[in-house]
Amino acid sequence: MEKAQGKVRWGFIGAGYIAKLALYPALLNSKDGEIYAVGAKDRERGLALSPSGLVYTDYDELLADPKVEAIYISLPNALHHEWTMASLAAGKHVLCEKPYSQRPADVDEAFGAAAAAGR
């Protein structure tokens, strides 16, 4: 996920507690990455994590934004696989909270998709 210049633009899918506790403060203090946009069903929760104020209430719209380079998935566990696969299909790098899935086949599918996408 190396860039020649500038910061990696991250999009958050989900505005949950772990996002606020973990990656949000790390990116606020990062010289290499920034929170570009947040996808949140609750716009107000999304605004709390979006320094730019850019919030998508539809996750697919976040994935369609060409400026978003990497996705952080901060959703309930049952949604991790679905949105990891959608993010990879959209050409994004992905960081997903744990646990990823209870199904080993999901993990294999995700790693295969990431390799095929060069992510």
PDB file of N, CA and C in Angstrom:
ATOM      1  N   MET A   1       0.829  -1.170   0.000  1.00  0.00           N
ATOM      2  CA  MET A   1       0.000   0.000   0.000  1.00  0.00           C
ATOM      3  C   MET A   1       0.886   1.251   0.000  1.00  0.00           C
ATOM      4  N   GLU A   2       2.008   1.163  -0.610  1.00  0.00           N
ATOM      5  CA  GLU A   2       2.948   2.267  -0.628  1.00  0.00           C
ATOM      6  C   GLU A   2       2.558   3.297  -1.674  1.00  0.00           C
ATOM      7  N   LYS A   3       2.655   4.559  -1.314  1.00  0.00           N
ATOM      8  CA  LYS A   3       2.369   5.662  -2.224  1.00  0.00           C
ATOM      9  C   LYS A   3       3.634   6.459  -2.441  1.00  0.00           C
ATOM     10  N   ALA A   4       3.785   6.976  -3.647  1.00  0.00           N
ATOM     11  CA  ALA A   4       4.953   7.788  -3.941  1.00  0.00           C
ATOM     12  C   ALA A   4       4.945   9.078  -3.136  1.00  0.00           C
ATOM     13  N   GLN A   5       3.795   9.706  -2.996  1.00  0.00           N
ATOM     14  CA  GLN A   5       3.694  10.936  -2.222  1.00  0.00           C
ATOM     15  C   GLN A   5       2.308  11.027  -1.598  1.00  0.00           C
ATOM     16  N   GLY A   6       2.222  11.758  -0.520  1.00  0.00           N
ATOM     17  CA  GLY A   6       0.934  11.919   0.139  1.00  0.00           C
ATOM     18  C   GLY A   6       0.598  10.766   1.060  1.00  0.00           C
ATOM     19  N   LYS A   7      -0.553  10.890   1.690  1.00  0.00           N
ATOM     20  CA  LYS A   7      -1.006   9.883   2.647  1.00  0.00           C
ATOM     21  C   LYS A   7      -1.986   8.913   2.003  1.00  0.00           C
ATOM     22  N   VAL A   8      -2.015   7.687   2.494  1.00  0.00           N
ATOM     23  CA  VAL A   8      -3.008   6.713   2.075  1.00  0.00           C
ATOM     24  C   VAL A   8      -4.360   7.188   2.600  1.00  0.00           C
ATOM     25  N   ARG A   9      -5.341   7.258   1.707  1.00  0.00           N
ATOM     26  CA  ARG A   9      -6.679   7.726   2.078  1.00  0.00           C
ATOM     27  C   ARG A   9      -7.542   6.526   2.480  1.00  0.00           C
ATOM     28  N   TRP A  10      -7.900   6.485   3.757  1.00  0.00           N
ATOM     29  CA  TRP A  10      -8.685   5.395   4.320  1.00  0.00           C
ATOM     30  C   TRP A  10     -10.165   5.735   4.342  1.00  0.00           C
ATOM     31  N   GLY A  11     -10.976   4.724   4.093  1.00  0.00           N
ATOM     32  CA  GLY A  11     -12.409   4.806   4.310  1.00  0.00           C
ATOM     33  C   GLY A  11     -12.777   3.807   5.389  1.00  0.00           C
ATOM     34  N   PHE A  12     -13.555   4.223   6.336  1.00  0.00           N
ATOM     35  CA  PHE A  12     -14.045   3.331   7.392  1.00  0.00           C
ATOM     36  C   PHE A  12     -15.427   2.839   7.003  1.00  0.00           C
ATOM     37  N   ILE A  13     -15.638   1.539   7.086  1.00  0.00           N
ATOM     38  CA  ILE A  13     -16.994   0.989   6.966  1.00  0.00           C
ATOM     39  C   ILE A  13     -17.408   0.634   8.387  1.00  0.00           C
ATOM     40  N   GLY A  14     -18.277   1.433   8.925  1.00  0.00           N
ATOM     41  CA  GLY A  14     -18.715   1.277  10.299  1.00  0.00           C
ATOM     42  C   GLY A  14     -18.060   2.325  11.176  1.00  0.00           C
ATOM     43  N   ALA A  15     -18.819   2.804  12.128  1.00  0.00           N
ATOM     44  CA  ALA A  15     -18.318   3.838  13.031  1.00  0.00           C
ATOM     45  C   ALA A  15     -18.440   3.354  14.470  1.00  0.00           C
ATOM     46  N   GLY A  16     -18.036   2.121  14.680  1.00  0.00           N
ATOM     47  CA  GLY A  16     -18.197   1.498  15.987  1.00  0.00           C
ATOM     48  C   GLY A  16     -17.132   1.873  16.992  1.00  0.00           C
ATOM     49  N   TYR A  17     -17.287   1.313  18.158  1.00  0.00           N
ATOM     50  CA  TYR A  17     -16.430   1.582  19.305  1.00  0.00           C
ATOM     51  C   TYR A  17     -14.965   1.255  19.017  1.00  0.00           C
ATOM     52  N   ILE A  18     -14.714   0.105  18.388  1.00  0.00           N
ATOM     53  CA  ILE A  18     -13.328  -0.302  18.125  1.00  0.00           C
ATOM     54  C   ILE A  18     -12.665   0.656  17.141  1.00  0.00           C
ATOM     55  N   ALA A  19     -13.394   1.093  16.138  1.00  0.00           N
ATOM     56  CA  ALA A  19     -12.835   2.066  15.186  1.00  0.00           C
ATOM     57  C   ALA A  19     -12.412   3.329  15.916  1.00  0.00           C
ATOM     58  N   LYS A  20     -13.280   3.805  16.792  1.00  0.00           N
ATOM     59  CA  LYS A  20     -12.990   5.032  17.535  1.00  0.00           C
ATOM     60  C   LYS A  20     -11.823   4.844  18.495  1.00  0.00           C
ATOM     61  N   LEU A  21     -11.727   3.661  19.072  1.00  0.00           N
ATOM     62  CA  LEU A  21     -10.699   3.369  20.059  1.00  0.00           C
ATOM     63  C   LEU A  21      -9.344   3.051  19.425  1.00  0.00           C
ATOM     64  N   ALA A  22      -9.349   2.378  18.283  1.00  0.00           N
ATOM     65  CA  ALA A  22      -8.106   1.839  17.730  1.00  0.00           C
ATOM     66  C   ALA A  22      -7.568   2.631  16.533  1.00  0.00           C
ATOM     67  N   LEU A  23      -8.172   2.458  15.375  1.00  0.00           N
ATOM     68  CA  LEU A  23      -7.573   3.023  14.160  1.00  0.00           C
ATOM     69  C   LEU A  23      -7.759   4.530  14.049  1.00  0.00           C
ATOM     70  N   TYR A  24      -8.847   5.057  14.535  1.00  0.00           N
ATOM     71  CA  TYR A  24      -9.090   6.493  14.457  1.00  0.00           C
ATOM     72  C   TYR A  24      -7.934   7.303  15.061  1.00  0.00           C
ATOM     73  N   PRO A  25      -7.562   7.062  16.327  1.00  0.00           N
ATOM     74  CA  PRO A  25      -6.459   7.862  16.872  1.00  0.00           C
ATOM     75  C   PRO A  25      -5.128   7.590  16.175  1.00  0.00           C
ATOM     76  N   ALA A  26      -4.923   6.379  15.724  1.00  0.00           N
ATOM     77  CA  ALA A  26      -3.668   6.057  15.028  1.00  0.00           C
ATOM     78  C   ALA A  26      -3.553   6.865  13.737  1.00  0.00           C
ATOM     79  N   LEU A  27      -4.632   6.942  12.981  1.00  0.00           N
ATOM     80  CA  LEU A  27      -4.581   7.688  11.726  1.00  0.00           C
ATOM     81  C   LEU A  27      -4.530   9.195  11.946  1.00  0.00           C
ATOM     82  N   LEU A  28      -5.148   9.672  13.003  1.00  0.00           N
ATOM     83  CA  LEU A  28      -5.056  11.108  13.296  1.00  0.00           C
ATOM     84  C   LEU A  28      -3.616  11.530  13.538  1.00  0.00           C
ATOM     85  N   ASN A  29      -2.793  10.604  14.047  1.00  0.00           N
ATOM     86  CA  ASN A  29      -1.398  10.904  14.361  1.00  0.00           C
ATOM     87  C   ASN A  29      -0.419  10.350  13.329  1.00  0.00           C
ATOM     88  N   SER A  30      -0.925   9.842  12.224  1.00  0.00           N
ATOM     89  CA  SER A  30      -0.078   9.194  11.227  1.00  0.00           C
ATOM     90  C   SER A  30       0.479  10.189  10.213  1.00  0.00           C
ATOM     91  N   LYS A  31       1.709   9.941   9.800  1.00  0.00           N
ATOM     92  CA  LYS A  31       2.275  10.719   8.704  1.00  0.00           C
ATOM     93  C   LYS A  31       2.051  10.004   7.371  1.00  0.00           C
ATOM     94  N   ASP A  32       1.565   8.762   7.427  1.00  0.00           N
ATOM     95  CA  ASP A  32       1.410   7.957   6.218  1.00  0.00           C
ATOM     96  C   ASP A  32      -0.038   7.708   5.799  1.00  0.00           C
ATOM     97  N   GLY A  33      -0.991   7.931   6.693  1.00  0.00           N
ATOM     98  CA  GLY A  33      -2.381   7.651   6.366  1.00  0.00           C
ATOM     99  C   GLY A  33      -3.310   8.694   6.944  1.00  0.00           C
ATOM    100  N   GLU A  34      -4.518   8.774   6.369  1.00  0.00           N
ATOM    101  CA  GLU A  34      -5.518   9.711   6.862  1.00  0.00           C
ATOM    102  C   GLU A  34      -6.907   9.109   6.695  1.00  0.00           C
ATOM    103  N   ILE A  35      -7.814   9.529   7.544  1.00  0.00           N
ATOM    104  CA  ILE A  35      -9.212   9.128   7.399  1.00  0.00           C
ATOM    105  C   ILE A  35      -9.811  10.061   6.366  1.00  0.00           C
ATOM    106  N   TYR A  36     -10.131   9.516   5.210  1.00  0.00           N
ATOM    107  CA  TYR A  36     -10.683  10.319   4.126  1.00  0.00           C
ATOM    108  C   TYR A  36     -12.208  10.396   4.216  1.00  0.00           C
ATOM    109  N   ALA A  37     -12.847   9.258   4.499  1.00  0.00           N
ATOM    110  CA  ALA A  37     -14.312   9.205   4.547  1.00  0.00           C
ATOM    111  C   ALA A  37     -14.746   8.075   5.469  1.00  0.00           C
ATOM    112  N   VAL A  38     -15.980   8.175   5.933  1.00  0.00           N
ATOM    113  CA  VAL A  38     -16.559   7.156   6.802  1.00  0.00           C
ATOM    114  C   VAL A  38     -17.883   6.715   6.211  1.00  0.00           C
ATOM    115  N   GLY A  39     -18.090   5.398   6.190  1.00  0.00           N
ATOM    116  CA  GLY A  39     -19.387   4.836   5.820  1.00  0.00           C
ATOM    117  C   GLY A  39     -20.089   4.426   7.100  1.00  0.00           C
ATOM    118  N   ALA A  40     -21.233   5.030   7.361  1.00  0.00           N
ATOM    119  CA  ALA A  40     -21.965   4.734   8.591  1.00  0.00           C
ATOM    120  C   ALA A  40     -23.460   4.864   8.332  1.00  0.00           C
ATOM    121  N   LYS A  41     -24.218   3.910   8.812  1.00  0.00           N
ATOM    122  CA  LYS A  41     -25.674   3.975   8.669  1.00  0.00           C
ATOM    123  C   LYS A  41     -26.228   5.159   9.452  1.00  0.00           C
ATOM    124  N   ASP A  42     -25.581   5.492  10.562  1.00  0.00           N
ATOM    125  CA  ASP A  42     -25.963   6.639  11.392  1.00  0.00           C
ATOM    126  C   ASP A  42     -25.006   7.786  11.066  1.00  0.00           C
ATOM    127  N   ARG A  43     -25.497   8.769  10.345  1.00  0.00           N
ATOM    128  CA  ARG A  43     -24.663   9.881   9.874  1.00  0.00           C
ATOM    129  C   ARG A  43     -23.936  10.593  11.031  1.00  0.00           C
ATOM    130  N   GLU A  44     -24.607  10.801  12.151  1.00  0.00           N
ATOM    131  CA  GLU A  44     -23.993  11.494  13.284  1.00  0.00           C
ATOM    132  C   GLU A  44     -22.799  10.717  13.836  1.00  0.00           C
ATOM    133  N   ARG A  45     -22.933   9.394  13.933  1.00  0.00           N
ATOM    134  CA  ARG A  45     -21.798   8.574  14.402  1.00  0.00           C
ATOM    135  C   ARG A  45     -20.659   8.649  13.406  1.00  0.00           C
ATOM    136  N   GLY A  46     -20.989   8.664  12.122  1.00  0.00           N
ATOM    137  CA  GLY A  46     -19.965   8.786  11.096  1.00  0.00           C
ATOM    138  C   GLY A  46     -19.223  10.111  11.178  1.00  0.00           C
ATOM    139  N   LEU A  47     -19.961  11.179  11.416  1.00  0.00           N
ATOM    140  CA  LEU A  47     -19.337  12.500  11.527  1.00  0.00           C
ATOM    141  C   LEU A  47     -18.345  12.562  12.684  1.00  0.00           C
ATOM    142  N   ALA A  48     -18.606  11.811  13.735  1.00  0.00           N
ATOM    143  CA  ALA A  48     -17.704  11.795  14.885  1.00  0.00           C
ATOM    144  C   ALA A  48     -16.341  11.194  14.540  1.00  0.00           C
ATOM    145  N   LEU A  49     -16.270  10.422  13.456  1.00  0.00           N
ATOM    146  CA  LEU A  49     -15.007   9.788  13.044  1.00  0.00           C
ATOM    147  C   LEU A  49     -14.448  10.368  11.744  1.00  0.00           C
ATOM    148  N   SER A  50     -15.086  11.359  11.189  1.00  0.00           N
ATOM    149  CA  SER A  50     -14.665  11.886   9.894  1.00  0.00           C
ATOM    150  C   SER A  50     -14.127  13.302  10.030  1.00  0.00           C
ATOM    151  N   PRO A  51     -12.800  13.461  10.100  1.00  0.00           N
ATOM    152  CA  PRO A  51     -12.230  14.799  10.221  1.00  0.00           C
ATOM    153  C   PRO A  51     -12.646  15.732   9.078  1.00  0.00           C
ATOM    154  N   SER A  52     -12.857  15.177   7.891  1.00  0.00           N
ATOM    155  CA  SER A  52     -13.241  16.002   6.740  1.00  0.00           C
ATOM    156  C   SER A  52     -14.747  16.253   6.684  1.00  0.00           C
ATOM    157  N   GLY A  53     -15.518  15.475   7.455  1.00  0.00           N
ATOM    158  CA  GLY A  53     -16.970  15.588   7.401  1.00  0.00           C
ATOM    159  C   GLY A  53     -17.594  14.787   6.279  1.00  0.00           C
ATOM    160  N   LEU A  54     -16.776  14.006   5.550  1.00  0.00           N
ATOM    161  CA  LEU A  54     -17.297  13.193   4.454  1.00  0.00           C
ATOM    162  C   LEU A  54     -17.822  11.870   4.996  1.00  0.00           C
ATOM    163  N   VAL A  55     -19.140  11.697   4.946  1.00  0.00           N
ATOM    164  CA  VAL A  55     -19.790  10.498   5.455  1.00  0.00           C
ATOM    165  C   VAL A  55     -20.730   9.961   4.383  1.00  0.00           C
ATOM    166  N   TYR A  56     -20.612   8.676   4.107  1.00  0.00           N
ATOM    167  CA  TYR A  56     -21.532   7.976   3.218  1.00  0.00           C
ATOM    168  C   TYR A  56     -22.453   7.111   4.076  1.00  0.00           C
ATOM    169  N   THR A  57     -23.753   7.224   3.880  1.00  0.00           N
ATOM    170  CA  THR A  57     -24.674   6.370   4.626  1.00  0.00           C
ATOM    171  C   THR A  57     -24.954   5.080   3.866  1.00  0.00           C
ATOM    172  N   ASP A  58     -24.340   4.932   2.704  1.00  0.00           N
ATOM    173  CA  ASP A  58     -24.423   3.711   1.894  1.00  0.00           C
ATOM    174  C   ASP A  58     -22.983   3.226   1.691  1.00  0.00           C
ATOM    175  N   TYR A  59     -22.683   2.048   2.195  1.00  0.00           N
ATOM    176  CA  TYR A  59     -21.311   1.533   2.106  1.00  0.00           C
ATOM    177  C   TYR A  59     -20.844   1.377   0.660  1.00  0.00           C
ATOM    178  N   ASP A  60     -21.745   1.016  -0.233  1.00  0.00           N
ATOM    179  CA  ASP A  60     -21.360   0.864  -1.641  1.00  0.00           C
ATOM    180  C   ASP A  60     -20.893   2.194  -2.240  1.00  0.00           C
ATOM    181  N   GLU A  61     -21.468   3.301  -1.793  1.00  0.00           N
ATOM    182  CA  GLU A  61     -21.023   4.607  -2.282  1.00  0.00           C
ATOM    183  C   GLU A  61     -19.604   4.904  -1.808  1.00  0.00           C
ATOM    184  N   LEU A  62     -19.291   4.521  -0.579  1.00  0.00           N
ATOM    185  CA  LEU A  62     -17.928   4.674  -0.082  1.00  0.00           C
ATOM    186  C   LEU A  62     -16.963   3.870  -0.952  1.00  0.00           C
ATOM    187  N   LEU A  63     -17.329   2.621  -1.245  1.00  0.00           N
ATOM    188  CA  LEU A  63     -16.459   1.771  -2.060  1.00  0.00           C
ATOM    189  C   LEU A  63     -16.302   2.296  -3.483  1.00  0.00           C
ATOM    190  N   ALA A  64     -17.287   3.008  -3.970  1.00  0.00           N
ATOM    191  CA  ALA A  64     -17.225   3.549  -5.333  1.00  0.00           C
ATOM    192  C   ALA A  64     -16.387   4.823  -5.424  1.00  0.00           C
ATOM    193  N   ASP A  65     -16.042   5.414  -4.297  1.00  0.00           N
ATOM    194  CA  ASP A  65     -15.257   6.649  -4.303  1.00  0.00           C
ATOM    195  C   ASP A  65     -13.826   6.318  -4.731  1.00  0.00           C
ATOM    196  N   PRO A  66     -13.380   6.830  -5.872  1.00  0.00           N
ATOM    197  CA  PRO A  66     -12.037   6.491  -6.364  1.00  0.00           C
ATOM    198  C   PRO A  66     -10.904   7.044  -5.502  1.00  0.00           C
ATOM    199  N   LYS A  67     -11.191   7.999  -4.643  1.00  0.00           N
ATOM    200  CA  LYS A  67     -10.142   8.556  -3.787  1.00  0.00           C
ATOM    201  C   LYS A  67      -9.857   7.681  -2.576  1.00  0.00           C
ATOM    202  N   VAL A  68     -10.777   6.796  -2.236  1.00  0.00           N
ATOM    203  CA  VAL A  68     -10.568   5.873  -1.120  1.00  0.00           C
ATOM    204  C   VAL A  68      -9.648   4.753  -1.590  1.00  0.00           C
ATOM    205  N   GLU A  69      -8.518   4.598  -0.919  1.00  0.00           N
ATOM    206  CA  GLU A  69      -7.536   3.595  -1.321  1.00  0.00           C
ATOM    207  C   GLU A  69      -7.572   2.340  -0.458  1.00  0.00           C
ATOM    208  N   ALA A  70      -7.937   2.512   0.799  1.00  0.00           N
ATOM    209  CA  ALA A  70      -7.931   1.391   1.740  1.00  0.00           C
ATOM    210  C   ALA A  70      -9.185   1.480   2.605  1.00  0.00           C
ATOM    211  N   ILE A  71      -9.678   0.317   2.984  1.00  0.00           N
ATOM    212  CA  ILE A  71     -10.903   0.220   3.787  1.00  0.00           C
ATOM    213  C   ILE A  71     -10.582  -0.437   5.121  1.00  0.00           C
ATOM    214  N   TYR A  72     -11.112   0.162   6.170  1.00  0.00           N
ATOM    215  CA  TYR A  72     -11.065  -0.440   7.501  1.00  0.00           C
ATOM    216  C   TYR A  72     -12.485  -0.873   7.829  1.00  0.00           C
ATOM    217  N   ILE A  73     -12.673  -2.150   8.112  1.00  0.00           N
ATOM    218  CA  ILE A  73     -14.008  -2.685   8.383  1.00  0.00           C
ATOM    219  C   ILE A  73     -14.217  -2.818   9.880  1.00  0.00           C
ATOM    220  N   SER A  74     -15.152  -2.028  10.367  1.00  0.00           N
ATOM    221  CA  SER A  74     -15.482  -1.975  11.786  1.00  0.00           C
ATOM    222  C   SER A  74     -16.976  -2.233  11.941  1.00  0.00           C
ATOM    223  N   LEU A  75     -17.365  -3.432  11.619  1.00  0.00           N
ATOM    224  CA  LEU A  75     -18.770  -3.841  11.646  1.00  0.00           C
ATOM    225  C   LEU A  75     -18.935  -5.055  12.547  1.00  0.00           C
ATOM    226  N   PRO A  76     -20.177  -5.439  12.851  1.00  0.00           N
ATOM    227  CA  PRO A  76     -20.379  -6.700  13.574  1.00  0.00           C
ATOM    228  C   PRO A  76     -19.721  -7.867  12.830  1.00  0.00           C
ATOM    229  N   ASN A  77     -19.246  -8.830  13.585  1.00  0.00           N
ATOM    230  CA  ASN A  77     -18.492  -9.958  13.016  1.00  0.00           C
ATOM    231  C   ASN A  77     -19.174 -10.631  11.836  1.00  0.00           C
ATOM    232  N   ALA A  78     -20.475 -10.780  11.889  1.00  0.00           N
ATOM    233  CA  ALA A  78     -21.197 -11.484  10.821  1.00  0.00           C
ATOM    234  C   ALA A  78     -21.125 -10.745   9.486  1.00  0.00           C
ATOM    235  N   LEU A  79     -20.707  -9.491   9.484  1.00  0.00           N
ATOM    236  CA  LEU A  79     -20.619  -8.708   8.246  1.00  0.00           C
ATOM    237  C   LEU A  79     -19.194  -8.560   7.724  1.00  0.00           C
ATOM    238  N   HIS A  80     -18.223  -9.077   8.452  1.00  0.00           N
ATOM    239  CA  HIS A  80     -16.823  -8.908   8.048  1.00  0.00           C
ATOM    240  C   HIS A  80     -16.545  -9.490   6.667  1.00  0.00           C
ATOM    241  N   HIS A  81     -16.953 -10.719   6.423  1.00  0.00           N
ATOM    242  CA  HIS A  81     -16.642 -11.363   5.144  1.00  0.00           C
ATOM    243  C   HIS A  81     -17.319 -10.645   3.983  1.00  0.00           C
ATOM    244  N   GLU A  82     -18.587 -10.372   4.131  1.00  0.00           N
ATOM    245  CA  GLU A  82     -19.342  -9.710   3.050  1.00  0.00           C
ATOM    246  C   GLU A  82     -18.665  -8.403   2.615  1.00  0.00           C
ATOM    247  N   TRP A  83     -18.300  -7.567   3.573  1.00  0.00           N
ATOM    248  CA  TRP A  83     -17.753  -6.260   3.218  1.00  0.00           C
ATOM    249  C   TRP A  83     -16.266  -6.311   2.879  1.00  0.00           C
ATOM    250  N   THR A  84     -15.560  -7.327   3.359  1.00  0.00           N
ATOM    251  CA  THR A  84     -14.186  -7.529   2.888  1.00  0.00           C
ATOM    252  C   THR A  84     -14.202  -7.897   1.413  1.00  0.00           C
ATOM    253  N   MET A  85     -15.066  -8.826   1.048  1.00  0.00           N
ATOM    254  CA  MET A  85     -15.138  -9.246  -0.351  1.00  0.00           C
ATOM    255  C   MET A  85     -15.594  -8.099  -1.252  1.00  0.00           C
ATOM    256  N   ALA A  86     -16.557  -7.310  -0.800  1.00  0.00           N
ATOM    257  CA  ALA A  86     -17.020  -6.160  -1.590  1.00  0.00           C
ATOM    258  C   ALA A  86     -15.902  -5.125  -1.744  1.00  0.00           C
ATOM    259  N   SER A  87     -15.127  -4.923  -0.689  1.00  0.00           N
ATOM    260  CA  SER A  87     -14.023  -3.960  -0.742  1.00  0.00           C
ATOM    261  C   SER A  87     -12.938  -4.416  -1.703  1.00  0.00           C
ATOM    262  N   LEU A  88     -12.598  -5.693  -1.649  1.00  0.00           N
ATOM    263  CA  LEU A  88     -11.600  -6.232  -2.580  1.00  0.00           C
ATOM    264  C   LEU A  88     -12.091  -6.139  -4.015  1.00  0.00           C
ATOM    265  N   ALA A  89     -13.369  -6.450  -4.235  1.00  0.00           N
ATOM    266  CA  ALA A  89     -13.944  -6.360  -5.587  1.00  0.00           C
ATOM    267  C   ALA A  89     -13.908  -4.923  -6.103  1.00  0.00           C
ATOM    268  N   ALA A  90     -13.952  -3.955  -5.192  1.00  0.00           N
ATOM    269  CA  ALA A  90     -13.885  -2.544  -5.579  1.00  0.00           C
ATOM    270  C   ALA A  90     -12.440  -2.064  -5.754  1.00  0.00           C
ATOM    271  N   GLY A  91     -11.476  -2.971  -5.560  1.00  0.00           N
ATOM    272  CA  GLY A  91     -10.073  -2.627  -5.766  1.00  0.00           C
ATOM    273  C   GLY A  91      -9.405  -1.947  -4.591  1.00  0.00           C
ATOM    274  N   LYS A  92      -9.971  -2.113  -3.402  1.00  0.00           N
ATOM    275  CA  LYS A  92      -9.428  -1.454  -2.216  1.00  0.00           C
ATOM    276  C   LYS A  92      -8.558  -2.421  -1.412  1.00  0.00           C
ATOM    277  N   HIS A  93      -7.569  -1.881  -0.720  1.00  0.00           N
ATOM    278  CA  HIS A  93      -6.851  -2.632   0.297  1.00  0.00           C
ATOM    279  C   HIS A  93      -7.789  -2.743   1.486  1.00  0.00           C
ATOM    280  N   VAL A  94      -7.630  -3.798   2.301  1.00  0.00           N
ATOM    281  CA  VAL A  94      -8.577  -4.030   3.396  1.00  0.00           C
ATOM    282  C   VAL A  94      -7.854  -4.363   4.695  1.00  0.00           C
ATOM    283  N   LEU A  95      -8.333  -3.745   5.766  1.00  0.00           N
ATOM    284  CA  LEU A  95      -7.968  -4.111   7.126  1.00  0.00           C
ATOM    285  C   LEU A  95      -9.285  -4.381   7.834  1.00  0.00           C
ATOM    286  N   CYS A  96      -9.429  -5.603   8.349  1.00  0.00           N
ATOM    287  CA  CYS A  96     -10.679  -6.000   8.983  1.00  0.00           C
ATOM    288  C   CYS A  96     -10.438  -6.352  10.443  1.00  0.00           C
ATOM    289  N   GLU A  97     -11.381  -5.932  11.283  1.00  0.00           N
ATOM    290  CA  GLU A  97     -11.311  -6.303  12.693  1.00  0.00           C
ATOM    291  C   GLU A  97     -11.392  -7.817  12.834  1.00  0.00           C
ATOM    292  N   LYS A  98     -10.969  -8.315  13.981  1.00  0.00           N
ATOM    293  CA  LYS A  98     -11.096  -9.733  14.257  1.00  0.00           C
ATOM    294  C   LYS A  98     -12.300  -9.979  15.149  1.00  0.00           C
ATOM    295  N   PRO A  99     -12.849 -11.129  15.194  1.00  0.00           N
ATOM    296  CA  PRO A  99     -12.531 -12.270  14.335  1.00  0.00           C
ATOM    297  C   PRO A  99     -13.086 -12.055  12.931  1.00  0.00           C
ATOM    298  N   TYR A 100     -12.364 -12.552  11.955  1.00  0.00           N
ATOM    299  CA  TYR A 100     -12.798 -12.366  10.576  1.00  0.00           C
ATOM    300  C   TYR A 100     -14.042 -13.197  10.289  1.00  0.00           C
ATOM    301  N   SER A 101     -13.954 -14.490  10.553  1.00  0.00           N
ATOM    302  CA  SER A 101     -15.081 -15.384  10.277  1.00  0.00           C
ATOM    303  C   SER A 101     -14.893 -16.669  11.074  1.00  0.00           C
ATOM    304  N   GLN A 102     -15.999 -17.346  11.306  1.00  0.00           N
ATOM    305  CA  GLN A 102     -15.936 -18.664  11.939  1.00  0.00           C
ATOM    306  C   GLN A 102     -15.757 -19.758  10.895  1.00  0.00           C
ATOM    307  N   ARG A 103     -15.826 -19.386   9.640  1.00  0.00           N
ATOM    308  CA  ARG A 103     -15.743 -20.374   8.563  1.00  0.00           C
ATOM    309  C   ARG A 103     -14.379 -20.288   7.869  1.00  0.00           C
ATOM    310  N   PRO A 104     -13.566 -21.333   7.956  1.00  0.00           N
ATOM    311  CA  PRO A 104     -12.274 -21.327   7.273  1.00  0.00           C
ATOM    312  C   PRO A 104     -12.398 -21.062   5.770  1.00  0.00           C
ATOM    313  N   ALA A 105     -13.475 -21.511   5.154  1.00  0.00           N
ATOM    314  CA  ALA A 105     -13.662 -21.285   3.714  1.00  0.00           C
ATOM    315  C   ALA A 105     -13.761 -19.787   3.400  1.00  0.00           C
ATOM    316  N   ASP A 106     -14.355 -19.005   4.310  1.00  0.00           N
ATOM    317  CA  ASP A 106     -14.431 -17.555   4.109  1.00  0.00           C
ATOM    318  C   ASP A 106     -13.034 -16.945   4.095  1.00  0.00           C
ATOM    319  N   VAL A 107     -12.196 -17.398   5.006  1.00  0.00           N
ATOM    320  CA  VAL A 107     -10.831 -16.874   5.102  1.00  0.00           C
ATOM    321  C   VAL A 107     -10.056 -17.224   3.831  1.00  0.00           C
ATOM    322  N   ASP A 108     -10.174 -18.463   3.394  1.00  0.00           N
ATOM    323  CA  ASP A 108      -9.501 -18.878   2.156  1.00  0.00           C
ATOM    324  C   ASP A 108      -9.989 -18.051   0.970  1.00  0.00           C
ATOM    325  N   GLU A 109     -11.296 -17.833   0.896  1.00  0.00           N
ATOM    326  CA  GLU A 109     -11.869 -17.050  -0.204  1.00  0.00           C
ATOM    327  C   GLU A 109     -11.330 -15.615  -0.180  1.00  0.00           C
ATOM    328  N   ALA A 110     -11.260 -15.024   0.990  1.00  0.00           N
ATOM    329  CA  ALA A 110     -10.784 -13.655   1.113  1.00  0.00           C
ATOM    330  C   ALA A 110      -9.307 -13.536   0.719  1.00  0.00           C
ATOM    331  N   PHE A 111      -8.482 -14.449   1.196  1.00  0.00           N
ATOM    332  CA  PHE A 111      -7.067 -14.393   0.829  1.00  0.00           C
ATOM    333  C   PHE A 111      -6.873 -14.627  -0.671  1.00  0.00           C
ATOM    334  N   GLY A 112      -7.674 -15.518  -1.246  1.00  0.00           N
ATOM    335  CA  GLY A 112      -7.614 -15.733  -2.689  1.00  0.00           C
ATOM    336  C   GLY A 112      -8.001 -14.499  -3.463  1.00  0.00           C
ATOM    337  N   ALA A 113      -9.066 -13.839  -3.030  1.00  0.00           N
ATOM    338  CA  ALA A 113      -9.521 -12.608  -3.699  1.00  0.00           C
ATOM    339  C   ALA A 113      -8.496 -11.489  -3.552  1.00  0.00           C
ATOM    340  N   ALA A 114      -7.891 -11.400  -2.378  1.00  0.00           N
ATOM    341  CA  ALA A 114      -6.866 -10.365  -2.169  1.00  0.00           C
ATOM    342  C   ALA A 114      -5.665 -10.607  -3.070  1.00  0.00           C
ATOM    343  N   ALA A 115      -5.222 -11.836  -3.164  1.00  0.00           N
ATOM    344  CA  ALA A 115      -4.088 -12.157  -4.035  1.00  0.00           C
ATOM    345  C   ALA A 115      -4.425 -11.869  -5.497  1.00  0.00           C
ATOM    346  N   ALA A 116      -5.622 -12.261  -5.914  1.00  0.00           N
ATOM    347  CA  ALA A 116      -6.031 -12.033  -7.310  1.00  0.00           C
ATOM    348  C   ALA A 116      -6.125 -10.545  -7.623  1.00  0.00           C
ATOM    349  N   ALA A 117      -6.492  -9.737  -6.633  1.00  0.00           N
ATOM    350  CA  ALA A 117      -6.622  -8.298  -6.841  1.00  0.00           C
ATOM    351  C   ALA A 117      -5.310  -7.549  -6.602  1.00  0.00           C
ATOM    352  N   GLY A 118      -4.279  -8.281  -6.184  1.00  0.00           N
ATOM    353  CA  GLY A 118      -3.010  -7.635  -5.878  1.00  0.00           C
ATOM    354  C   GLY A 118      -3.099  -6.738  -4.654  1.00  0.00           C
ATOM    355  N   ARG A 119      -3.914  -7.154  -3.705  1.00  0.00           N
ATOM    356  CA  ARG A 119      -4.129  -6.359  -2.490  1.00  0.00           C
ATOM    357  C   ARG A 119      -3.691  -7.119  -1.260  1.00  0.00           C
TER     358      ARG A 119
END
